[in-house]
Protein backbone atom coordinates (compact mmCIF):
# COMPACT_ATOMS: atom_id res chain seq x y z
CA UNK A 1 0.00 0.00 0.00
CA UNK A 2 1.30 3.44 -0.85
CA UNK A 3 0.29 6.60 0.98
CA UNK A 4 -0.31 8.28 -2.36
CA UNK A 5 -2.84 5.63 -3.31
CA UNK A 6 -4.94 6.21 -0.20
CA UNK A 7 -4.59 9.97 -0.11
CA UNK A 8 -5.08 10.63 -3.83
CA UNK A 9 -7.89 13.06 -4.58
CA UNK A 10 -11.08 11.68 -6.07
CA UNK A 11 -12.01 12.96 -9.52
CA UNK A 12 -15.44 14.38 -8.74
CA UNK A 13 -16.35 14.83 -12.38
CA UNK A 14 -15.76 11.14 -13.09
CA UNK A 15 -17.77 10.26 -9.97
CA UNK A 16 -20.72 12.40 -11.12
CA UNK A 17 -20.59 10.96 -14.64
CA UNK A 18 -20.52 7.38 -13.33
CA UNK A 19 -23.45 8.13 -11.01
CA UNK A 20 -25.43 9.64 -13.89
CA UNK A 21 -24.94 6.50 -15.98
CA UNK A 22 -25.80 4.17 -13.11
CA UNK A 23 -28.95 6.12 -12.16
CA UNK A 24 -30.38 5.60 -15.64
CA UNK A 25 -29.17 2.02 -16.13
CA UNK A 26 -32.04 -0.44 -16.43
CA UNK A 27 -34.72 1.94 -15.26
CA UNK A 28 -37.62 1.85 -14.66
CA UNK A 29 -37.37 -1.96 -14.83
CA UNK A 30 -35.33 -2.12 -11.61
CA UNK A 31 -38.03 -0.53 -9.45
CA UNK A 32 -39.10 -2.79 -6.58
CA UNK A 33 -41.75 -2.37 -3.88
CA UNK A 34 -41.82 -3.93 -0.41
CA UNK A 35 -45.38 -5.21 -0.88
CA UNK A 36 -44.76 -6.55 -4.38
CA UNK A 37 -44.01 -4.49 -7.50
CA UNK A 38 -46.56 -4.00 -10.27
CA UNK A 39 -44.28 -6.05 -12.53
CA UNK A 40 -41.31 -8.29 -11.71
CA UNK A 41 -38.07 -6.28 -11.57
CA UNK A 42 -35.37 -6.97 -14.16
CA UNK A 43 -32.08 -6.06 -12.50
CA UNK A 44 -30.32 -7.92 -15.32
CA UNK A 45 -30.45 -4.61 -17.21
CA UNK A 46 -27.85 -3.13 -14.87
CA UNK A 47 -26.16 -6.32 -13.62
CA UNK A 48 -24.71 -7.22 -17.01
CA UNK A 49 -23.06 -3.87 -17.87
CA UNK A 50 -21.68 -3.49 -14.34
CA UNK A 51 -20.42 -7.08 -14.46
CA UNK A 52 -18.68 -6.31 -17.76
CA UNK A 53 -17.04 -3.26 -16.18
CA UNK A 54 -15.71 -5.32 -13.28
CA UNK A 55 -14.31 -7.88 -15.73
CA UNK A 56 -12.44 -5.09 -17.50
CA UNK A 57 -10.86 -4.24 -14.15
CA UNK A 58 -9.60 -7.79 -13.65
CA UNK A 59 -12.33 -9.31 -11.48
CA UNK A 60 -13.66 -12.81 -12.00
CA UNK A 61 -17.41 -12.25 -12.36
CA UNK A 62 -20.36 -14.59 -11.84
CA UNK A 63 -24.01 -13.71 -12.41
CA UNK A 64 -26.07 -15.93 -10.11
CA UNK A 65 -29.76 -16.00 -9.25
CA UNK A 66 -32.98 -17.96 -9.54
CA UNK A 67 -33.88 -16.41 -12.90
CA UNK A 68 -31.85 -14.85 -15.74
CA UNK A 69 -33.76 -11.59 -15.34
CA UNK A 70 -32.64 -11.16 -11.71
CA UNK A 71 -28.94 -12.03 -11.43
CA UNK A 72 -26.74 -11.07 -8.51
CA UNK A 73 -23.23 -9.92 -9.41
CA UNK A 74 -20.48 -11.80 -7.53
CA UNK A 75 -17.07 -10.43 -8.54
CA UNK A 76 -13.79 -11.63 -7.02
CA UNK A 77 -10.24 -10.28 -7.18
CA UNK A 78 -7.52 -12.17 -5.30
CA UNK A 79 -4.38 -10.21 -4.44
CA UNK A 80 -2.67 -12.79 -2.25
CA UNK A 81 -3.05 -14.91 0.86
CA UNK A 82 -5.26 -13.52 3.60
CA UNK A 83 -8.91 -12.84 4.38
CA UNK A 84 -11.73 -11.97 2.01
CA UNK A 85 -13.55 -8.64 2.32
CA UNK A 86 -16.81 -7.94 0.50
CA UNK A 87 -18.07 -4.59 -0.75
CA UNK A 88 -21.83 -4.85 -1.18
CA UNK A 89 -24.62 -2.77 -2.67
CA UNK A 90 -27.89 -3.50 -4.44
CA UNK A 91 -29.20 -3.06 -7.97
CA UNK A 92 -32.93 -2.47 -7.45
CA UNK A 93 -34.44 0.83 -6.32
CA UNK A 94 -37.67 1.76 -4.67
CA UNK A 95 -40.39 3.06 -7.02
CA UNK A 96 -40.14 6.58 -8.42
CA UNK A 97 -43.86 7.39 -8.29
CA UNK A 98 -45.56 9.92 -10.58
CA UNK A 99 -42.90 11.72 -12.68
CA UNK A 100 -44.66 15.07 -12.23
CA UNK A 101 -43.63 15.11 -8.56
CA UNK A 102 -39.93 15.23 -9.48
CA UNK A 103 -39.51 18.99 -9.70
CA UNK A 104 -35.71 19.25 -9.70
CA UNK A 105 -35.44 16.53 -12.35
CA UNK A 106 -38.10 18.22 -14.51
CA UNK A 107 -40.40 15.22 -14.41
CA UNK A 108 -37.79 12.56 -15.23
CA UNK A 109 -36.67 10.81 -12.04
CA UNK A 110 -33.91 8.93 -13.88
CA UNK A 111 -32.30 11.94 -15.55
CA UNK A 112 -29.75 13.03 -12.96
CA UNK A 113 -29.42 16.75 -12.24
CA UNK A 114 -26.36 18.31 -10.56
CA UNK A 115 -27.30 21.29 -8.39
CA UNK A 116 -25.53 23.07 -5.52
CA UNK A 117 -23.06 20.28 -4.87
CA UNK A 118 -25.63 17.50 -4.99
CA UNK A 119 -26.93 15.01 -7.56
CA UNK A 120 -30.72 14.62 -7.82
CA UNK A 121 -32.49 11.51 -9.17
CA UNK A 122 -34.18 8.34 -7.98
CA UNK A 123 -31.50 6.00 -6.74
CA UNK A 124 -28.89 8.62 -5.87
CA UNK A 125 -28.98 8.39 -2.09
CA UNK A 126 -30.40 4.84 -2.22
CA UNK A 127 -28.32 3.60 -3.83
CA UNK A 128 -26.83 4.08 -7.30
CA UNK A 129 -24.56 6.92 -6.12
CA UNK A 130 -23.35 4.72 -3.25
CA UNK A 131 -22.68 2.09 -5.92
CA UNK A 132 -20.64 4.64 -7.87
CA UNK A 133 -18.55 5.30 -4.75
CA UNK A 134 -18.10 1.56 -4.18
CA UNK A 135 -17.00 0.93 -7.77
CA UNK A 136 -14.64 3.89 -7.74
CA UNK A 137 -13.01 2.65 -4.54
CA UNK A 138 -12.71 -0.87 -5.98
CA UNK A 139 -11.05 0.46 -9.14
CA UNK A 140 -8.53 2.46 -7.09
CA UNK A 141 -7.67 -0.66 -5.09
CA UNK A 142 -7.07 -2.88 -8.13
CA UNK A 143 -5.05 -0.14 -9.83
CA UNK A 144 -2.60 -0.21 -6.89
CA UNK A 145 -3.14 -3.73 -5.55
CA UNK A 146 -2.49 -4.62 -1.91
CA UNK A 147 -0.15 -7.47 -1.06
CA UNK A 148 -2.70 -9.58 0.80
CA UNK A 149 -6.36 -10.52 0.70
CA UNK A 150 -9.27 -11.13 -1.65
CA UNK A 151 -11.73 -8.39 -2.57
CA UNK A 152 -15.32 -9.28 -3.44
CA UNK A 153 -17.80 -6.92 -5.04
CA UNK A 154 -21.28 -8.36 -4.53
CA UNK A 155 -24.23 -6.48 -6.00
CA UNK A 156 -27.62 -7.88 -5.13
CA UNK A 157 -31.13 -7.91 -6.51
CA UNK A 158 -34.33 -7.58 -4.47
CA UNK A 159 -32.88 -5.64 -1.53
CA UNK A 160 -35.92 -3.38 -1.46
CA UNK A 161 -38.04 -6.47 -0.72
CA UNK A 162 -35.95 -7.88 2.12
CA UNK A 163 -33.30 -9.49 -0.08
CA UNK A 164 -35.20 -12.71 -0.76
CA UNK A 165 -33.80 -13.15 -4.27
CA UNK A 166 -30.58 -11.34 -3.40
CA UNK A 167 -28.61 -11.43 -0.17
CA UNK A 168 -30.75 -14.14 1.43
CA UNK A 169 -30.48 -16.31 -1.68
CA UNK A 170 -26.71 -15.81 -1.79
CA UNK A 171 -26.09 -16.81 1.83
CA UNK A 172 -28.68 -19.61 1.96
CA UNK A 173 -28.25 -21.23 -1.45
CA UNK A 174 -25.04 -19.93 -3.02
CA UNK A 175 -22.85 -20.33 0.05
CA UNK A 176 -21.60 -16.74 0.15
CA UNK A 177 -19.34 -16.41 3.20
CA UNK A 178 -16.72 -13.64 3.04
CA UNK A 179 -14.66 -13.02 6.16
CA UNK A 180 -16.15 -9.52 6.48
CA UNK A 181 -18.44 -7.15 4.58
CA UNK A 182 -19.08 -3.44 4.08
CA UNK A 183 -22.50 -2.60 2.66
CA UNK A 184 -22.22 0.80 0.98
CA UNK A 185 -25.66 2.17 1.79
CA UNK A 186 -26.90 5.45 3.32
CA UNK A 187 -25.42 6.35 6.73
CA UNK A 188 -24.68 10.06 6.24
CA UNK A 189 -25.75 12.63 8.83
CA UNK A 190 -26.19 16.40 9.14
CA UNK A 191 -26.32 18.05 12.56
CA UNK A 192 -26.12 21.76 13.50
CA UNK A 193 -24.42 22.71 10.26
CA UNK A 194 -21.95 19.83 10.42
CA UNK A 195 -22.10 16.64 8.42
CA UNK A 196 -20.36 13.32 8.01
CA UNK A 197 -20.78 9.63 7.34
CA UNK A 198 -21.60 7.36 10.27
CA UNK A 199 -20.81 3.68 10.69
CA UNK A 200 -23.78 1.40 11.33
CA UNK A 201 -22.55 -1.49 13.49
CA UNK A 202 -26.06 -2.96 13.89
CA UNK A 203 -29.52 -2.68 12.32
CA UNK A 204 -33.07 -2.92 13.56
CA UNK A 205 -35.55 -5.11 11.74
CA UNK A 206 -39.10 -4.59 10.54
CA UNK A 207 -42.33 -6.36 9.66
CA UNK A 208 -45.30 -5.81 7.38
CA UNK A 209 -48.59 -6.76 9.04
CA UNK A 210 -52.15 -7.11 7.75
CA UNK A 211 -54.81 -6.25 10.34
CA UNK A 212 -58.46 -7.15 9.70
CA UNK A 213 -61.60 -6.19 11.60
CA UNK A 214 -65.05 -7.68 10.86
CA UNK A 215 -68.31 -6.26 12.13
CA UNK A 216 -71.99 -6.12 11.22
CA UNK A 217 -73.29 -4.04 8.31
CA UNK A 218 -76.14 -1.58 8.68
CA UNK A 219 -77.99 0.85 6.44
CA UNK A 220 -76.57 4.36 6.58
CA UNK A 221 -79.93 5.60 7.95
CA UNK A 222 -79.62 3.19 10.87
CA UNK A 223 -75.96 2.94 11.92
CA UNK A 224 -77.17 2.05 15.40
CA UNK A 225 -78.18 -1.40 14.15
CA UNK A 226 -74.68 -2.38 13.03
CA UNK A 227 -71.12 -2.50 14.33
CA UNK A 228 -68.81 -0.58 11.99
CA UNK A 229 -65.34 -2.18 11.73
CA UNK A 230 -63.95 0.85 9.88
CA UNK A 231 -64.55 3.09 12.90
CA UNK A 232 -62.92 0.59 15.23
CA UNK A 233 -59.91 0.10 12.97
CA UNK A 234 -59.40 3.85 12.51
CA UNK A 235 -59.39 4.33 16.28
CA UNK A 236 -57.07 1.37 16.80
CA UNK A 237 -54.56 2.61 14.22
CA UNK A 238 -54.52 6.06 15.79
CA UNK A 239 -53.98 4.45 19.19
CA UNK A 240 -50.98 2.30 18.17
CA UNK A 241 -49.46 5.22 16.27
CA UNK A 242 -49.52 7.30 19.46
CA UNK A 243 -48.74 4.42 21.83
CA UNK A 244 -46.87 1.68 19.91
CA UNK A 245 -47.28 -2.02 20.56
CA UNK A 246 -44.12 -3.09 22.37
CA UNK A 247 -41.24 -0.90 21.21
CA UNK A 248 -42.29 -1.04 17.58
CA UNK A 249 -43.48 2.22 15.97
CA UNK A 250 -45.85 1.70 13.07
CA UNK A 251 -46.74 3.43 9.83
CA UNK A 252 -50.04 2.77 8.10
CA UNK A 253 -49.19 1.96 4.48
CA UNK A 254 -52.57 0.64 3.29
CA UNK A 255 -56.20 1.03 4.35
CA UNK A 256 -59.43 -0.38 2.93
CA UNK A 257 -63.10 -0.57 3.89
CA UNK A 258 -66.37 -0.84 2.00
CA UNK A 259 -67.33 -2.27 -1.38
CA UNK A 260 -67.91 -0.49 -4.66
CA UNK A 261 -71.62 -0.16 -5.34
CA UNK A 262 -72.59 -0.65 -1.68
CA UNK A 263 -72.47 2.93 -0.42
CA UNK A 264 -75.89 2.66 1.26
CA UNK A 265 -74.38 0.29 3.81
CA UNK A 266 -71.62 0.39 6.37
CA UNK A 267 -68.79 -2.06 5.63
CA UNK A 268 -68.74 -5.63 6.83
CA UNK A 269 -64.94 -5.64 6.93
CA UNK A 270 -62.06 -3.19 7.21
CA UNK A 271 -58.37 -3.90 6.79
CA UNK A 272 -55.06 -2.12 7.16
CA UNK A 273 -51.48 -2.88 6.29
CA UNK A 274 -48.96 -1.49 8.75
CA UNK A 275 -45.18 -1.46 8.80
CA UNK A 276 -43.64 -2.04 12.22
CA UNK A 277 -40.02 -0.99 12.73
CA UNK A 278 -37.33 -0.96 15.45
CA UNK A 279 -37.45 -4.75 15.82
CA UNK A 280 -34.46 -5.95 17.81
CA UNK A 281 -32.38 -9.12 17.41
CA UNK A 282 -34.18 -10.86 20.29
CA UNK A 283 -37.68 -10.56 18.79
CA UNK A 284 -39.14 -13.63 17.08
CA UNK A 285 -41.98 -13.51 14.58
CA UNK A 286 -44.46 -15.33 16.82
CA UNK A 287 -43.97 -12.90 19.67
CA UNK A 288 -44.65 -9.91 17.41
CA UNK A 289 -47.94 -11.38 16.20
CA UNK A 290 -48.96 -12.30 19.75
CA UNK A 291 -48.36 -8.77 21.01
CA UNK A 292 -50.35 -7.17 18.20
CA UNK A 293 -53.18 -9.70 18.57
CA UNK A 294 -53.31 -9.13 22.33
CA UNK A 295 -53.60 -5.36 21.81
CA UNK A 296 -56.28 -5.82 19.14
CA UNK A 297 -58.32 -8.18 21.30
CA UNK A 298 -58.15 -5.88 24.30
CA UNK A 299 -59.37 -2.92 22.23
CA UNK A 300 -62.19 -4.51 20.25
CA UNK A 301 -65.79 -3.79 21.22
CA UNK A 302 -68.55 -6.36 21.29
CA UNK A 303 -69.54 -7.41 17.79
CA UNK A 304 -66.08 -6.97 16.26
CA UNK A 305 -63.82 -9.87 15.29
CA UNK A 306 -60.13 -9.20 14.69
CA UNK A 307 -57.14 -10.88 13.09
CA UNK A 308 -53.52 -10.01 12.37
CA UNK A 309 -51.01 -11.82 10.18
CA UNK A 310 -47.85 -11.08 8.25
CA UNK A 311 -48.36 -9.68 4.76
CA UNK A 312 -47.67 -12.18 1.95
CA UNK A 313 -44.03 -13.04 1.38
CA UNK A 314 -41.27 -13.16 3.99
CA UNK A 315 -42.12 -9.82 5.59
CA UNK A 316 -40.60 -10.26 9.06
CA UNK A 317 -36.92 -9.46 9.57
CA UNK A 318 -35.23 -9.41 12.98
CA UNK A 319 -32.50 -6.92 13.86
CA UNK A 320 -28.82 -7.63 14.52
CA UNK A 321 -26.42 -7.61 17.46
CA UNK A 322 -23.88 -4.74 17.29
CA UNK A 323 -20.28 -5.36 16.32
CA UNK A 324 -17.81 -3.98 18.87
CA UNK A 325 -14.86 -1.65 18.43
CA UNK A 326 -12.42 -4.56 18.67
CA UNK A 327 -13.79 -6.15 15.52
CA UNK A 328 -11.04 -5.87 12.86
CA UNK A 329 -13.39 -4.39 10.25
CA UNK A 330 -14.78 -1.77 12.63
CA UNK A 331 -11.24 -0.88 13.69
CA UNK A 332 -10.14 -0.51 10.05
CA UNK A 333 -13.03 1.81 9.18
CA UNK A 334 -12.50 3.88 12.33
CA UNK A 335 -8.84 4.35 11.45
CA UNK A 336 -9.58 5.09 7.80
CA UNK A 337 -12.26 7.66 8.61
CA UNK A 338 -9.99 9.45 11.03
CA UNK A 339 -7.20 9.49 8.47
CA UNK A 340 -9.40 10.92 5.72
CA UNK A 341 -11.60 13.35 7.68
CA UNK A 342 -9.55 14.10 10.78
CA UNK A 343 -12.56 13.20 12.93
CA UNK A 344 -13.82 10.13 14.76
CA UNK A 345 -16.58 8.24 12.98
CA UNK A 346 -19.94 8.10 14.69
CA UNK A 347 -21.31 4.60 15.30
CA UNK A 348 -25.00 3.78 15.60
CA UNK A 349 -27.73 1.22 14.99
CA UNK A 350 -29.30 1.85 11.59
CA UNK A 351 -33.11 1.82 11.85
CA UNK A 352 -33.73 0.15 8.52
CA UNK A 353 -33.23 -2.98 6.47
CA UNK A 354 -30.41 -3.58 4.07
CA UNK A 355 -28.35 -6.59 3.03
CA UNK A 356 -26.10 -6.22 6.08
CA UNK A 357 -28.85 -7.86 8.14
CA UNK A 358 -28.85 -11.03 6.03
CA UNK A 359 -25.06 -11.26 6.27
CA UNK A 360 -25.08 -10.77 10.05
CA UNK A 361 -27.78 -13.42 10.46
CA UNK A 362 -25.35 -16.06 9.15
CA UNK A 363 -22.42 -14.84 11.23
CA UNK A 364 -20.54 -12.62 8.77
CA UNK A 365 -19.00 -9.53 10.47
CA UNK A 366 -20.82 -6.89 8.42
CA UNK A 367 -21.34 -3.14 8.73
CA UNK A 368 -23.00 -0.38 6.74
CA UNK A 369 -21.13 2.74 5.64
CA UNK A 370 -22.11 4.98 2.74
CA UNK A 371 -22.53 8.61 1.64
CA UNK A 372 -26.29 8.51 1.05
CA UNK A 373 -28.60 10.39 3.41
CA UNK A 374 -30.47 8.35 6.01
CA UNK A 375 -33.64 10.32 5.20
CA UNK A 376 -35.21 8.39 2.32
CA UNK A 377 -36.68 11.23 0.27
CA UNK A 378 -39.87 10.21 -1.51
CA UNK A 379 -39.23 12.64 -4.37
CA UNK A 380 -36.27 14.80 -5.43
CA UNK A 381 -33.90 12.31 -3.83
CA UNK A 382 -30.31 13.58 -3.77
CA UNK A 383 -26.79 13.01 -2.46
CA UNK A 384 -23.79 15.18 -1.58
CA UNK A 385 -20.94 14.91 -4.08
CA UNK A 386 -18.39 15.84 -1.39
CA UNK A 387 -19.59 13.00 0.83
CA UNK A 388 -19.37 10.60 -2.09
CA UNK A 389 -15.72 11.55 -2.57
CA UNK A 390 -15.05 11.13 1.15
CA UNK A 391 -16.67 7.69 1.09
CA UNK A 392 -14.44 6.58 -1.79
CA UNK A 393 -11.31 7.47 0.16
CA UNK A 394 -12.52 5.94 3.43
CA UNK A 395 -13.63 2.68 1.79
CA UNK A 396 -10.35 2.36 -0.09
CA UNK A 397 -8.28 3.06 3.02
CA UNK A 398 -10.37 0.71 5.18
CA UNK A 399 -9.97 -2.18 2.72
CA UNK A 400 -6.21 -1.66 2.59
CA UNK A 401 -5.91 -1.43 6.37
CA UNK A 402 -8.07 -4.52 6.90
CA UNK A 403 -5.92 -6.60 4.54
CA UNK A 404 -2.65 -5.19 5.92
CA UNK A 405 -3.60 -5.82 9.56
CA UNK A 406 -4.63 -9.40 8.83
CA UNK A 407 -1.60 -10.24 6.72
CA UNK A 408 -1.21 -13.58 4.90
CA UNK A 409 -3.31 -15.62 7.34
């Protein structure tokens, strides 16, 4: 490792141009929704060109997945004896929504716009710009190769839907087991005019729940003769939003009551889909359902029947146990961040899902560190170009320090 290699300035123009290309690649076919997209995603449209790029840089590249349209990229570059370290990101994005709501991008969410030191487009902060930082760091490493270690670049499909076809498939069915992993996803922060990139050493989990209430219909002129499940469910949802079940805040993401053509009558059934977050590593799926069912049962009036179940698909994910400061990967990132920024990196538990969770669940020491904002903008998503450049340098330095500290083990 040379000091010049780690300290070399990042070409911001090249970083912006790479981000612009990645933002547009394969879209809108790579959009993916937690509750099931309107059409199956086709991450192949970005996986193949990125895989070709990694091959040009000297990586051995595999495209692996259940279907040809949804391949994960598994790229490997061996420098010498020693441990393997994975750089991870994902290829799908969350949906862009109506184009008219993208004001900065003039109605085209996949046409990146550079403005005031930031890049705006769907998939900048989460996560195509993080991917650009990852790829740039990987290229800098192979251009001045370390003496020890094996570098993996693993880019997954289906992360936006809990990684079922991506990270979970890779660890469960493909046998992916690097010695350590950095997921380059949003961990940036802004506080009192200062900003930086934090290091997530743990993550909380989440669940998607379907709640149903059934009552007794009545004519709208005689509501006193029925029991309206919509009224009960509305009150219950407001109650658990103000006073969460357990330690799990909820967001209502779907709500339905009544039937088309039956407006003279109160509904027989009402249902809601809620997302519960902040789920720790000690919470099992059965306990979560029991707690929600207990709260529902306690709140229901006479004449109302209730039920709660997980939404279709694997929609429960437990959190992870934090890695400590003595972990070699955490130590390498701490040292690298201090060397690049002159400050100590903040550590925290990231309150969201990404592939790190799936890696931690099978025992891989994995963290999350990336320049995207931990704010998840619905529209006019953006990322700081300066933070992207910082992330490139920190990731490069951390990889080199991790390999150097381990040596030819």
